PDB file of N, CA and C in Angstrom:
ATOM      1  N   MET A   1      -9.125  74.899  25.734  1.00  0.00           N
ATOM      2  CA  MET A   1      -9.368  76.220  25.198  1.00  0.00           C
ATOM      3  C   MET A   1      -8.496  77.217  25.951  1.00  0.00           C
ATOM      4  N   ASP A   2      -7.601  77.874  25.252  1.00  0.00           N
ATOM      5  CA  ASP A   2      -6.720  78.873  25.838  1.00  0.00           C
ATOM      6  C   ASP A   2      -7.214  80.262  25.474  1.00  0.00           C
ATOM      7  N   ARG A   3      -7.129  81.133  26.472  1.00  0.00           N
ATOM      8  CA  ARG A   3      -7.485  82.524  26.230  1.00  0.00           C
ATOM      9  C   ARG A   3      -6.285  83.383  26.553  1.00  0.00           C
ATOM     10  N   THR A   4      -5.968  84.268  25.673  1.00  0.00           N
ATOM     11  CA  THR A   4      -4.844  85.170  25.870  1.00  0.00           C
ATOM     12  C   THR A   4      -5.360  86.599  25.834  1.00  0.00           C
ATOM     13  N   LEU A   5      -4.982  87.337  26.853  1.00  0.00           N
ATOM     14  CA  LEU A   5      -5.354  88.745  26.885  1.00  0.00           C
ATOM     15  C   LEU A   5      -4.202  89.569  26.340  1.00  0.00           C
ATOM     16  N   THR A   6      -4.492  90.384  25.367  1.00  0.00           N
ATOM     17  CA  THR A   6      -3.474  91.267  24.813  1.00  0.00           C
ATOM     18  C   THR A   6      -4.040  92.676  24.756  1.00  0.00           C
ATOM     19  N   ALA A   7      -3.171  93.625  24.936  1.00  0.00           N
ATOM     20  CA  ALA A   7      -3.577  95.020  24.841  1.00  0.00           C
ATOM     21  C   ALA A   7      -3.478  95.465  23.395  1.00  0.00           C
ATOM     22  N   SER A   8      -4.488  96.114  22.952  1.00  0.00           N
ATOM     23  CA  SER A   8      -4.491  96.636  21.599  1.00  0.00           C
ATOM     24  C   SER A   8      -3.628  97.893  21.556  1.00  0.00           C
ATOM     25  N   SER A   9      -2.760  97.982  20.570  1.00  0.00           N
ATOM     26  CA  SER A   9      -1.891  99.147  20.482  1.00  0.00           C
ATOM     27  C   SER A   9      -2.682 100.406  20.130  1.00  0.00           C
ATOM     28  N   ALA A  10      -3.850 100.250  19.524  1.00  0.00           N
ATOM     29  CA  ALA A  10      -4.654 101.406  19.163  1.00  0.00           C
ATOM     30  C   ALA A  10      -5.308 102.029  20.398  1.00  0.00           C
ATOM     31  N   SER A  11      -5.632 101.208  21.390  1.00  0.00           N
ATOM     32  CA  SER A  11      -6.328 101.734  22.564  1.00  0.00           C
ATOM     33  C   SER A  11      -5.361 102.219  23.642  1.00  0.00           C
ATOM     34  N   THR A  12      -4.083 101.913  23.501  1.00  0.00           N
ATOM     35  CA  THR A  12      -3.108 102.333  24.505  1.00  0.00           C
ATOM     36  C   THR A  12      -2.510 103.665  24.085  1.00  0.00           C
ATOM     37  N   SER A  13      -2.599 104.625  24.979  1.00  0.00           N
ATOM     38  CA  SER A  13      -2.012 105.916  24.671  1.00  0.00           C
ATOM     39  C   SER A  13      -0.848 106.158  25.618  1.00  0.00           C
ATOM     40  N   PRO A  14       0.109 106.942  25.202  1.00  0.00           N
ATOM     41  CA  PRO A  14       1.235 107.232  26.090  1.00  0.00           C
ATOM     42  C   PRO A  14       0.745 108.025  27.295  1.00  0.00           C
ATOM     43  N   PRO A  15       1.438 107.891  28.423  1.00  0.00           N
ATOM     44  CA  PRO A  15       1.007 108.630  29.604  1.00  0.00           C
ATOM     45  C   PRO A  15       1.078 110.136  29.372  1.00  0.00           C
ATOM     46  N   ALA A  16       0.137 110.826  29.942  1.00  0.00           N
ATOM     47  CA  ALA A  16       0.102 112.283  29.791  1.00  0.00           C
ATOM     48  C   ALA A  16       1.281 112.899  30.526  1.00  0.00           C
ATOM     49  N   PRO A  17       1.878 113.937  29.980  1.00  0.00           N
ATOM     50  CA  PRO A  17       2.991 114.585  30.675  1.00  0.00           C
ATOM     51  C   PRO A  17       2.505 115.196  31.991  1.00  0.00           C
ATOM     52  N   VAL A  18       3.335 115.089  32.992  1.00  0.00           N
ATOM     53  CA  VAL A  18       2.995 115.622  34.307  1.00  0.00           C
ATOM     54  C   VAL A  18       3.537 117.048  34.410  1.00  0.00           C
ATOM     55  N   ALA A  19       2.710 117.902  34.926  1.00  0.00           N
ATOM     56  CA  ALA A  19       3.114 119.301  35.072  1.00  0.00           C
ATOM     57  C   ALA A  19       4.303 119.388  36.023  1.00  0.00           C
ATOM     58  N   PRO A  20       5.254 120.266  35.742  1.00  0.00           N
ATOM     59  CA  PRO A  20       6.444 120.384  36.601  1.00  0.00           C
ATOM     60  C   PRO A  20       6.109 120.680  38.061  1.00  0.00           C
ATOM     61  N   TYR A  21       5.088 121.478  38.319  1.00  0.00           N
ATOM     62  CA  TYR A  21       4.752 121.782  39.709  1.00  0.00           C
ATOM     63  C   TYR A  21       4.210 120.552  40.439  1.00  0.00           C
ATOM     64  N   LEU A  22       3.565 119.634  39.706  1.00  0.00           N
ATOM     65  CA  LEU A  22       3.103 118.403  40.339  1.00  0.00           C
ATOM     66  C   LEU A  22       4.271 117.479  40.672  1.00  0.00           C
ATOM     67  N   ARG A  23       5.268 117.442  39.792  1.00  0.00           N
ATOM     68  CA  ARG A  23       6.468 116.652  40.091  1.00  0.00           C
ATOM     69  C   ARG A  23       7.197 117.217  41.292  1.00  0.00           C
ATOM     70  N   LEU A  24       7.283 118.544  41.364  1.00  0.00           N
ATOM     71  CA  LEU A  24       7.920 119.198  42.503  1.00  0.00           C
ATOM     72  C   LEU A  24       7.173 118.867  43.793  1.00  0.00           C
ATOM     73  N   PHE A  25       5.859 118.966  43.757  1.00  0.00           N
ATOM     74  CA  PHE A  25       5.045 118.648  44.924  1.00  0.00           C
ATOM     75  C   PHE A  25       5.246 117.195  45.352  1.00  0.00           C
ATOM     76  N   ALA A  26       5.247 116.268  44.394  1.00  0.00           N
ATOM     77  CA  ALA A  26       5.448 114.857  44.711  1.00  0.00           C
ATOM     78  C   ALA A  26       6.824 114.622  45.330  1.00  0.00           C
ATOM     79  N   THR A  27       7.824 115.324  44.825  1.00  0.00           N
ATOM     80  CA  THR A  27       9.176 115.205  45.378  1.00  0.00           C
ATOM     81  C   THR A  27       9.229 115.715  46.805  1.00  0.00           C
ATOM     82  N   LEU A  28       8.599 116.848  47.066  1.00  0.00           N
ATOM     83  CA  LEU A  28       8.573 117.403  48.422  1.00  0.00           C
ATOM     84  C   LEU A  28       7.832 116.487  49.388  1.00  0.00           C
ATOM     85  N   VAL A  29       6.758 115.879  48.931  1.00  0.00           N
ATOM     86  CA  VAL A  29       6.013 114.928  49.768  1.00  0.00           C
ATOM     87  C   VAL A  29       6.885 113.717  50.082  1.00  0.00           C
ATOM     88  N   LEU A  30       7.620 113.226  49.105  1.00  0.00           N
ATOM     89  CA  LEU A  30       8.515 112.087  49.321  1.00  0.00           C
ATOM     90  C   LEU A  30       9.608 112.442  50.327  1.00  0.00           C
ATOM     91  N   TRP A  31      10.187 113.607  50.204  1.00  0.00           N
ATOM     92  CA  TRP A  31      11.236 114.029  51.140  1.00  0.00           C
ATOM     93  C   TRP A  31      10.685 114.153  52.556  1.00  0.00           C
ATOM     94  N   ALA A  32       9.488 114.705  52.683  1.00  0.00           N
ATOM     95  CA  ALA A  32       8.872 114.833  54.012  1.00  0.00           C
ATOM     96  C   ALA A  32       8.608 113.458  54.615  1.00  0.00           C
ATOM     97  N   ARG A  33       8.178 112.517  53.784  1.00  0.00           N
ATOM     98  CA  ARG A  33       7.962 111.148  54.273  1.00  0.00           C
ATOM     99  C   ARG A  33       9.270 110.522  54.722  1.00  0.00           C
ATOM    100  N   ASN A  34      10.345 110.745  53.969  1.00  0.00           N
ATOM    101  CA  ASN A  34      11.650 110.213  54.363  1.00  0.00           C
ATOM    102  C   ASN A  34      12.075 110.757  55.723  1.00  0.00           C
ATOM    103  N   VAL A  35      11.896 112.050  55.937  1.00  0.00           N
ATOM    104  CA  VAL A  35      12.258 112.663  57.214  1.00  0.00           C
ATOM    105  C   VAL A  35      11.426 112.057  58.341  1.00  0.00           C
ATOM    106  N   ARG A  36      10.123 111.958  58.126  1.00  0.00           N
ATOM    107  CA  ARG A  36       9.222 111.442  59.155  1.00  0.00           C
ATOM    108  C   ARG A  36       9.535 109.987  59.516  1.00  0.00           C
ATOM    109  N   THR A  37       9.724 109.145  58.514  1.00  0.00           N
ATOM    110  CA  THR A  37       9.970 107.731  58.801  1.00  0.00           C
ATOM    111  C   THR A  37      11.346 107.520  59.430  1.00  0.00           C
ATOM    112  N   ARG A  38      12.319 108.337  59.068  1.00  0.00           N
ATOM    113  CA  ARG A  38      13.638 108.195  59.694  1.00  0.00           C
ATOM    114  C   ARG A  38      13.619 108.677  61.136  1.00  0.00           C
ATOM    115  N   ARG A  39      12.812 109.683  61.430  1.00  0.00           N
ATOM    116  CA  ARG A  39      12.650 110.089  62.834  1.00  0.00           C
ATOM    117  C   ARG A  39      12.012 108.961  63.641  1.00  0.00           C
ATOM    118  N   GLN A  40      11.017 108.318  63.055  1.00  0.00           N
ATOM    119  CA  GLN A  40      10.374 107.198  63.739  1.00  0.00           C
ATOM    120  C   GLN A  40      11.362 106.055  63.933  1.00  0.00           C
ATOM    121  N   LEU A  41      12.160 105.779  62.933  1.00  0.00           N
ATOM    122  CA  LEU A  41      13.165 104.732  63.036  1.00  0.00           C
ATOM    123  C   LEU A  41      14.175 105.050  64.126  1.00  0.00           C
ATOM    124  N   ALA A  42      14.570 106.305  64.230  1.00  0.00           N
ATOM    125  CA  ALA A  42      15.545 106.712  65.239  1.00  0.00           C
ATOM    126  C   ALA A  42      14.993 106.540  66.654  1.00  0.00           C
ATOM    127  N   SER A  43      13.681 106.607  66.796  1.00  0.00           N
ATOM    128  CA  SER A  43      13.089 106.521  68.132  1.00  0.00           C
ATOM    129  C   SER A  43      12.843 105.087  68.598  1.00  0.00           C
ATOM    130  N   LEU A  44      13.045 104.102  67.737  1.00  0.00           N
ATOM    131  CA  LEU A  44      12.793 102.706  68.112  1.00  0.00           C
ATOM    132  C   LEU A  44      13.880 102.178  69.039  1.00  0.00           C
ATOM    133  N   ASP A  45      13.457 101.410  70.029  1.00  0.00           N
ATOM    134  CA  ASP A  45      14.432 100.758  70.917  1.00  0.00           C
ATOM    135  C   ASP A  45      14.848  99.416  70.308  1.00  0.00           C
ATOM    136  N   ASP A  46      15.777  98.726  70.966  1.00  0.00           N
ATOM    137  CA  ASP A  46      16.309  97.469  70.423  1.00  0.00           C
ATOM    138  C   ASP A  46      15.226  96.409  70.242  1.00  0.00           C
ATOM    139  N   ARG A  47      14.278  96.359  71.176  1.00  0.00           N
ATOM    140  CA  ARG A  47      13.218  95.361  71.069  1.00  0.00           C
ATOM    141  C   ARG A  47      12.333  95.625  69.846  1.00  0.00           C
ATOM    142  N   ALA A  48      11.989  96.882  69.635  1.00  0.00           N
ATOM    143  CA  ALA A  48      11.161  97.239  68.482  1.00  0.00           C
ATOM    144  C   ALA A  48      11.912  96.986  67.175  1.00  0.00           C
ATOM    145  N   LEU A  49      13.201  97.278  67.173  1.00  0.00           N
ATOM    146  CA  LEU A  49      14.001  96.991  65.972  1.00  0.00           C
ATOM    147  C   LEU A  49      14.012  95.504  65.673  1.00  0.00           C
ATOM    148  N   ALA A  50      14.156  94.693  66.718  1.00  0.00           N
ATOM    149  CA  ALA A  50      14.143  93.244  66.528  1.00  0.00           C
ATOM    150  C   ALA A  50      12.792  92.771  65.999  1.00  0.00           C
ATOM    151  N   ASP A  51      11.716  93.401  66.454  1.00  0.00           N
ATOM    152  CA  ASP A  51      10.373  93.032  65.983  1.00  0.00           C
ATOM    153  C   ASP A  51      10.212  93.257  64.486  1.00  0.00           C
ATOM    154  N   VAL A  52      10.813  94.311  63.976  1.00  0.00           N
ATOM    155  CA  VAL A  52      10.683  94.598  62.540  1.00  0.00           C
ATOM    156  C   VAL A  52      11.834  94.018  61.719  1.00  0.00           C
ATOM    157  N   GLY A  53      12.783  93.377  62.396  1.00  0.00           N
ATOM    158  CA  GLY A  53      13.874  92.704  61.686  1.00  0.00           C
ATOM    159  C   GLY A  53      14.961  93.627  61.180  1.00  0.00           C
ATOM    160  N   ILE A  54      15.235  94.684  61.914  1.00  0.00           N
ATOM    161  CA  ILE A  54      16.273  95.635  61.520  1.00  0.00           C
ATOM    162  C   ILE A  54      17.360  95.621  62.586  1.00  0.00           C
ATOM    163  N   SER A  55      18.595  95.521  62.151  1.00  0.00           N
ATOM    164  CA  SER A  55      19.705  95.536  63.092  1.00  0.00           C
ATOM    165  C   SER A  55      20.103  96.976  63.398  1.00  0.00           C
ATOM    166  N   ARG A  56      20.910  97.157  64.439  1.00  0.00           N
ATOM    167  CA  ARG A  56      21.396  98.501  64.767  1.00  0.00           C
ATOM    168  C   ARG A  56      22.200  99.091  63.612  1.00  0.00           C
ATOM    169  N   GLY A  57      23.027  98.251  62.987  1.00  0.00           N
ATOM    170  CA  GLY A  57      23.839  98.724  61.861  1.00  0.00           C
ATOM    171  C   GLY A  57      22.992  99.173  60.689  1.00  0.00           C
ATOM    172  N   GLU A  58      21.929  98.419  60.385  1.00  0.00           N
ATOM    173  CA  GLU A  58      21.033  98.814  59.300  1.00  0.00           C
ATOM    174  C   GLU A  58      20.327 100.126  59.638  1.00  0.00           C
ATOM    175  N   ARG A  59      19.941 100.269  60.903  1.00  0.00           N
ATOM    176  CA  ARG A  59      19.289 101.509  61.323  1.00  0.00           C
ATOM    177  C   ARG A  59      20.241 102.689  61.167  1.00  0.00           C
ATOM    178  N   LEU A  60      21.480 102.526  61.630  1.00  0.00           N
ATOM    179  CA  LEU A  60      22.446 103.615  61.512  1.00  0.00           C
ATOM    180  C   LEU A  60      22.720 103.975  60.057  1.00  0.00           C
ATOM    181  N   ALA A  61      22.830 102.947  59.215  1.00  0.00           N
ATOM    182  CA  ALA A  61      23.073 103.203  57.795  1.00  0.00           C
ATOM    183  C   ALA A  61      21.924 103.989  57.176  1.00  0.00           C
ATOM    184  N   GLU A  62      20.698 103.649  57.552  1.00  0.00           N
ATOM    185  CA  GLU A  62      19.530 104.365  57.021  1.00  0.00           C
ATOM    186  C   GLU A  62      19.473 105.795  57.559  1.00  0.00           C
ATOM    187  N   LEU A  63      19.814 105.970  58.826  1.00  0.00           N
ATOM    188  CA  LEU A  63      19.753 107.305  59.419  1.00  0.00           C
ATOM    189  C   LEU A  63      20.831 108.236  58.888  1.00  0.00           C
ATOM    190  N   GLU A  64      21.916 107.689  58.376  1.00  0.00           N
ATOM    191  CA  GLU A  64      23.000 108.509  57.815  1.00  0.00           C
ATOM    192  C   GLU A  64      22.706 108.994  56.409  1.00  0.00           C
ATOM    193  N   ARG A  65      21.728 108.381  55.760  1.00  0.00           N
ATOM    194  CA  ARG A  65      21.400 108.796  54.399  1.00  0.00           C
ATOM    195  C   ARG A  65      20.727 110.160  54.399  1.00  0.00           C
ATOM    196  N   PRO A  66      21.017 110.985  53.393  1.00  0.00           N
ATOM    197  CA  PRO A  66      20.336 112.289  53.304  1.00  0.00           C
ATOM    198  C   PRO A  66      18.842 112.094  52.985  1.00  0.00           C
ATOM    199  N   PHE A  67      18.036 113.056  53.352  1.00  0.00           N
ATOM    200  CA  PHE A  67      16.584 112.903  53.196  1.00  0.00           C
ATOM    201  C   PHE A  67      16.145 112.775  51.741  1.00  0.00           C
ATOM    202  N   TRP A  68      16.946 113.245  50.811  1.00  0.00           N
ATOM    203  CA  TRP A  68      16.542 113.197  49.412  1.00  0.00           C
ATOM    204  C   TRP A  68      16.838 111.847  48.761  1.00  0.00           C
ATOM    205  N   ARG A  69      17.422 110.927  49.481  1.00  0.00           N
ATOM    206  CA  ARG A  69      17.650 109.588  48.920  1.00  0.00           C
ATOM    207  C   ARG A  69      16.730 108.600  49.560  1.00  0.00           C
TER     208      ARG A  69
END
């Protein structure tokens, strides 16, 4: 006996549009997180980098990226 789950097209509605100010807020939160995590990455020593599996070159490449990426 096989059971297949399918979504009914009648019960699925398109996602509600997001207000522009909410998108702006989400973008600002993402940028702040990027800044915070890159500061933390910059403060790691070689041993900590090795623990998380990141090389010096990978760290430098990440730190050179602008906060909005």
